[in-house]
Amino acid sequence: MVDSPRRIQLPVPAARPRSHAERSTETRAAILSAVSESVAEVGFARTTASEIARRAGVTWGAVQHHFGGKDGMLTAVLEGSFNRFAERVESVPREGPLEKRVSLFVDRAWDHYSSADYRTANEILLHFHAREDIDEAPAWSAIMAKAWNDIWHEIFHAAPISRQRQVLLAGYTLATLSGLAGLLLLSGDPADSMARDLDILKHLLIREFAGEEG
């Protein structure tokens, strides 16, 4: 007679209580995620205080506790969006074949600019620029532009062109990617439909970095 398989019952480990800092971090993340989801789904105008609180599963008082109000929360969304862009391009090599660096940078940057994350941040920034009761929006744009240029120079510092030309190419690339993101939003096409345009951008950058004419 064959013995039946031995059966065991393991004790369930007791869950470690979350610390105040952990709960605070989770709440902040839930609120910021709620903003991004709401703007992507219903637009900025309908992303009200009550809608954000409902999606995050918190009270508006909790939002105020963590961010001081709607403007502080929206500013945090902008910061998070740019920092995620920086994280995407962090994997681009700082040395090695120029063609590879250009291709990887454009691809990683497009991953960001074609995302709902970027569209949300762009709507928020446009909202702040349109308001007359605050003056921080131009400063934010300047801060983000400088950070973009710093990242660009870090990756392409060895290219044999002047710093002035570097700045021009960085601005052109930023304008091209944001413009393509706008076209993507209007057309509703999948993000990979822009592959030809991205290839043109890559070839132009490689040619410019090599100092070629035409």
Protein backbone atom coordinates (compact mmCIF):
# COMPACT_ATOMS: atom_id res chain seq x y z
CA MET A 1 0.00 0.00 0.00
CA VAL A 2 1.41 3.41 -1.05
CA ASP A 3 1.39 6.10 1.59
CA SER A 4 -0.47 9.28 0.65
CA PRO A 5 1.71 12.37 0.12
CA ARG A 6 2.54 14.16 3.30
CA ARG A 7 0.63 17.38 3.70
CA ILE A 8 1.87 20.37 5.58
CA GLN A 9 0.38 23.64 6.75
CA LEU A 10 2.74 26.56 7.08
CA PRO A 11 2.09 29.37 9.52
CA VAL A 12 1.20 32.67 7.91
CA PRO A 13 3.83 35.27 8.79
CA ALA A 14 2.56 38.29 10.62
CA ALA A 15 2.60 41.37 8.43
CA ARG A 16 4.99 44.05 9.59
CA PRO A 17 3.07 47.23 10.35
CA ARG A 18 3.86 49.95 7.84
CA SER A 19 5.73 52.92 9.20
CA HIS A 20 4.37 56.43 9.03
CA ALA A 21 6.95 57.28 6.37
CA GLU A 22 5.85 54.30 4.23
CA ARG A 23 2.19 55.23 4.53
CA SER A 24 3.00 58.82 3.65
CA THR A 25 4.99 57.77 0.58
CA GLU A 26 2.18 55.48 -0.59
CA THR A 27 -0.43 58.21 -0.13
CA ARG A 28 1.62 60.73 -2.09
CA ALA A 29 2.14 58.22 -4.89
CA ALA A 30 -1.59 57.43 -4.99
CA ILE A 31 -2.48 61.12 -5.24
CA LEU A 32 0.02 61.82 -8.03
CA SER A 33 -1.12 58.73 -9.90
CA ALA A 34 -4.72 59.90 -9.56
CA VAL A 35 -3.83 63.26 -11.14
CA SER A 36 -2.10 61.62 -14.11
CA GLU A 37 -4.93 59.15 -14.66
CA SER A 38 -7.61 61.82 -14.41
CA VAL A 39 -5.92 64.24 -16.82
CA ALA A 40 -5.29 61.42 -19.31
CA GLU A 41 -8.88 60.17 -19.13
CA VAL A 42 -11.07 63.27 -18.69
CA GLY A 43 -8.73 66.21 -19.38
CA PHE A 44 -7.28 68.88 -17.17
CA ALA A 45 -10.46 70.98 -16.88
CA ARG A 46 -12.40 68.09 -15.35
CA THR A 47 -9.58 67.05 -13.04
CA THR A 48 -11.10 68.71 -10.00
CA ALA A 49 -10.11 68.48 -6.38
CA SER A 50 -12.96 66.07 -5.65
CA GLU A 51 -12.08 63.92 -8.66
CA ILE A 52 -8.46 63.62 -7.55
CA ALA A 53 -9.44 62.75 -3.98
CA ARG A 54 -11.97 60.17 -5.21
CA ARG A 55 -9.49 58.43 -7.48
CA ALA A 56 -6.77 58.42 -4.83
CA GLY A 57 -9.15 57.16 -2.17
CA VAL A 58 -8.27 59.98 0.23
CA THR A 59 -9.85 63.17 1.52
CA TRP A 60 -8.97 66.56 0.08
CA GLY A 61 -7.56 67.36 3.51
CA ALA A 62 -5.02 64.57 2.98
CA VAL A 63 -4.02 66.11 -0.34
CA GLN A 64 -3.52 69.47 1.33
CA HIS A 65 -1.52 67.83 4.10
CA HIS A 66 0.94 66.30 1.62
CA PHE A 67 1.12 69.04 -1.03
CA GLY A 68 -0.34 72.20 0.50
CA GLY A 69 -3.05 72.37 -2.14
CA LYS A 70 -3.68 71.80 -5.84
CA ASP A 71 -0.79 73.92 -7.12
CA GLY A 72 1.72 72.08 -4.95
CA MET A 73 0.35 68.76 -6.16
CA LEU A 74 0.53 69.79 -9.82
CA THR A 75 4.08 71.02 -9.35
CA ALA A 76 5.01 67.61 -7.93
CA VAL A 77 3.51 65.94 -11.03
CA LEU A 78 5.70 68.14 -13.26
CA GLU A 79 8.80 67.31 -11.24
CA GLY A 80 8.04 63.60 -11.33
CA SER A 81 7.45 63.60 -15.08
CA PHE A 82 10.77 65.28 -15.87
CA ASN A 83 12.65 63.07 -13.43
CA ARG A 84 11.22 59.97 -15.12
CA PHE A 85 12.44 61.34 -18.46
CA ALA A 86 15.90 61.73 -16.91
CA GLU A 87 15.72 58.14 -15.65
CA ARG A 88 14.78 56.88 -19.14
CA VAL A 89 17.85 58.44 -20.78
CA GLU A 90 20.16 57.50 -17.90
CA SER A 91 20.93 54.23 -19.71
CA VAL A 92 22.31 56.04 -22.78
CA PRO A 93 26.11 55.57 -22.85
CA ARG A 94 28.25 58.65 -22.29
CA GLU A 95 31.03 57.22 -24.44
CA GLY A 96 31.28 54.96 -27.49
CA PRO A 97 29.92 55.16 -31.05
CA LEU A 98 28.06 58.41 -31.65
CA GLU A 99 25.45 56.73 -33.83
CA LYS A 100 24.49 54.38 -31.02
CA ARG A 101 24.21 57.19 -28.48
CA VAL A 102 22.06 59.30 -30.79
CA SER A 103 19.75 56.38 -31.60
CA LEU A 104 19.34 55.33 -27.97
CA PHE A 105 18.77 58.89 -26.78
CA VAL A 106 16.07 59.59 -29.37
CA ASP A 107 14.36 56.25 -28.67
CA ARG A 108 14.44 56.67 -24.88
CA ALA A 109 13.30 60.28 -25.12
CA TRP A 110 10.44 59.30 -27.44
CA ASP A 111 9.33 56.66 -24.94
CA HIS A 112 8.71 59.59 -22.62
CA TYR A 113 7.25 62.10 -25.07
CA SER A 114 4.82 59.56 -26.51
CA SER A 115 3.55 58.62 -23.04
CA ALA A 116 0.45 59.70 -21.15
CA ASP A 117 2.85 60.90 -18.45
CA TYR A 118 4.24 63.59 -20.78
CA ARG A 119 0.79 64.60 -22.03
CA THR A 120 -0.35 65.11 -18.46
CA ALA A 121 2.69 67.20 -17.56
CA ASN A 122 2.32 69.26 -20.74
CA GLU A 123 -1.33 70.07 -19.97
CA ILE A 124 -0.39 71.12 -16.45
CA LEU A 125 2.44 73.36 -17.69
CA LEU A 126 0.14 74.99 -20.28
CA HIS A 127 -2.40 75.60 -17.52
CA PHE A 128 0.16 77.37 -15.35
CA HIS A 129 1.40 79.48 -18.27
CA ALA A 130 -2.17 80.62 -18.97
CA ARG A 131 -2.80 81.78 -15.41
CA GLU A 132 -2.22 85.40 -14.51
CA ASP A 133 -2.18 84.98 -10.75
CA ILE A 134 1.17 83.19 -10.59
CA ASP A 135 4.58 83.87 -12.09
CA GLU A 136 6.38 80.58 -11.47
CA ALA A 137 5.58 78.92 -14.83
CA PRO A 138 8.29 80.72 -16.84
CA ALA A 139 10.82 79.85 -14.15
CA TRP A 140 9.78 76.19 -14.26
CA SER A 141 10.18 76.13 -18.03
CA ALA A 142 13.66 77.62 -17.70
CA ILE A 143 14.63 75.10 -15.01
CA MET A 144 13.46 72.17 -17.13
CA ALA A 145 15.13 73.55 -20.26
CA LYS A 146 18.44 73.89 -18.40
CA ALA A 147 18.12 70.36 -17.01
CA TRP A 148 17.43 69.06 -20.54
CA ASN A 149 20.52 70.87 -21.87
CA ASP A 150 22.65 69.51 -19.02
CA ILE A 151 21.56 65.95 -19.79
CA TRP A 152 22.16 66.50 -23.49
CA HIS A 153 25.65 67.90 -22.95
CA GLU A 154 26.53 65.06 -20.58
CA ILE A 155 25.68 62.49 -23.25
CA PHE A 156 27.08 64.30 -26.29
CA HIS A 157 29.89 66.34 -24.77
CA ALA A 158 32.53 64.63 -26.92
CA ALA A 159 30.93 65.61 -30.24
CA PRO A 160 33.34 67.83 -32.23
CA ILE A 161 31.05 70.86 -32.45
CA SER A 162 30.82 74.12 -30.54
CA ARG A 163 28.82 74.47 -27.33
CA GLN A 164 26.57 76.97 -29.12
CA ARG A 165 25.80 74.37 -31.79
CA GLN A 166 25.15 71.83 -29.06
CA VAL A 167 22.54 74.11 -27.50
CA LEU A 168 20.88 74.67 -30.88
CA LEU A 169 20.68 70.94 -31.56
CA ALA A 170 19.33 70.25 -28.08
CA GLY A 171 16.59 72.83 -28.61
CA TYR A 172 15.79 71.50 -32.06
CA THR A 173 15.51 67.94 -30.73
CA LEU A 174 13.26 69.06 -27.87
CA ALA A 175 11.02 70.98 -30.29
CA THR A 176 10.85 68.02 -32.69
CA LEU A 177 9.94 65.49 -30.01
CA SER A 178 7.31 67.71 -28.42
CA GLY A 179 5.91 68.52 -31.86
CA LEU A 180 5.66 64.84 -32.75
CA ALA A 181 3.95 64.24 -29.40
CA GLY A 182 1.36 66.85 -30.35
CA LEU A 183 0.80 65.22 -33.75
CA LEU A 184 0.45 61.85 -32.04
CA LEU A 185 -2.25 63.23 -29.78
CA LEU A 186 -4.16 64.78 -32.68
CA SER A 187 -3.90 61.79 -35.01
CA GLY A 188 -4.52 59.07 -32.47
CA ASP A 189 -2.04 56.85 -34.32
CA PRO A 190 0.11 54.37 -32.37
CA ALA A 191 3.39 55.80 -31.12
CA ASP A 192 5.46 53.61 -33.45
CA SER A 193 3.85 55.32 -36.47
CA MET A 194 6.37 58.12 -35.94
CA ALA A 195 9.33 55.80 -36.66
CA ARG A 196 10.15 57.49 -39.98
CA ASP A 197 10.19 60.94 -38.40
CA LEU A 198 12.39 59.71 -35.56
CA ASP A 199 14.81 58.18 -38.07
CA ILE A 200 15.04 61.53 -39.87
CA LEU A 201 15.85 63.20 -36.55
CA LYS A 202 18.54 60.61 -35.80
CA HIS A 203 20.20 60.98 -39.21
CA LEU A 204 20.16 64.77 -38.93
CA LEU A 205 21.78 64.70 -35.50
CA ILE A 206 24.45 62.22 -36.56
CA ARG A 207 25.28 64.34 -39.60
CA GLU A 208 25.42 67.52 -37.53
CA PHE A 209 27.63 65.96 -34.88
CA ALA A 210 29.98 64.74 -37.58
CA GLY A 211 30.17 68.26 -39.01
CA GLU A 212 28.78 67.21 -42.38
CA GLU A 213 27.07 69.65 -44.72
CA GLY A 214 23.76 69.10 -46.51
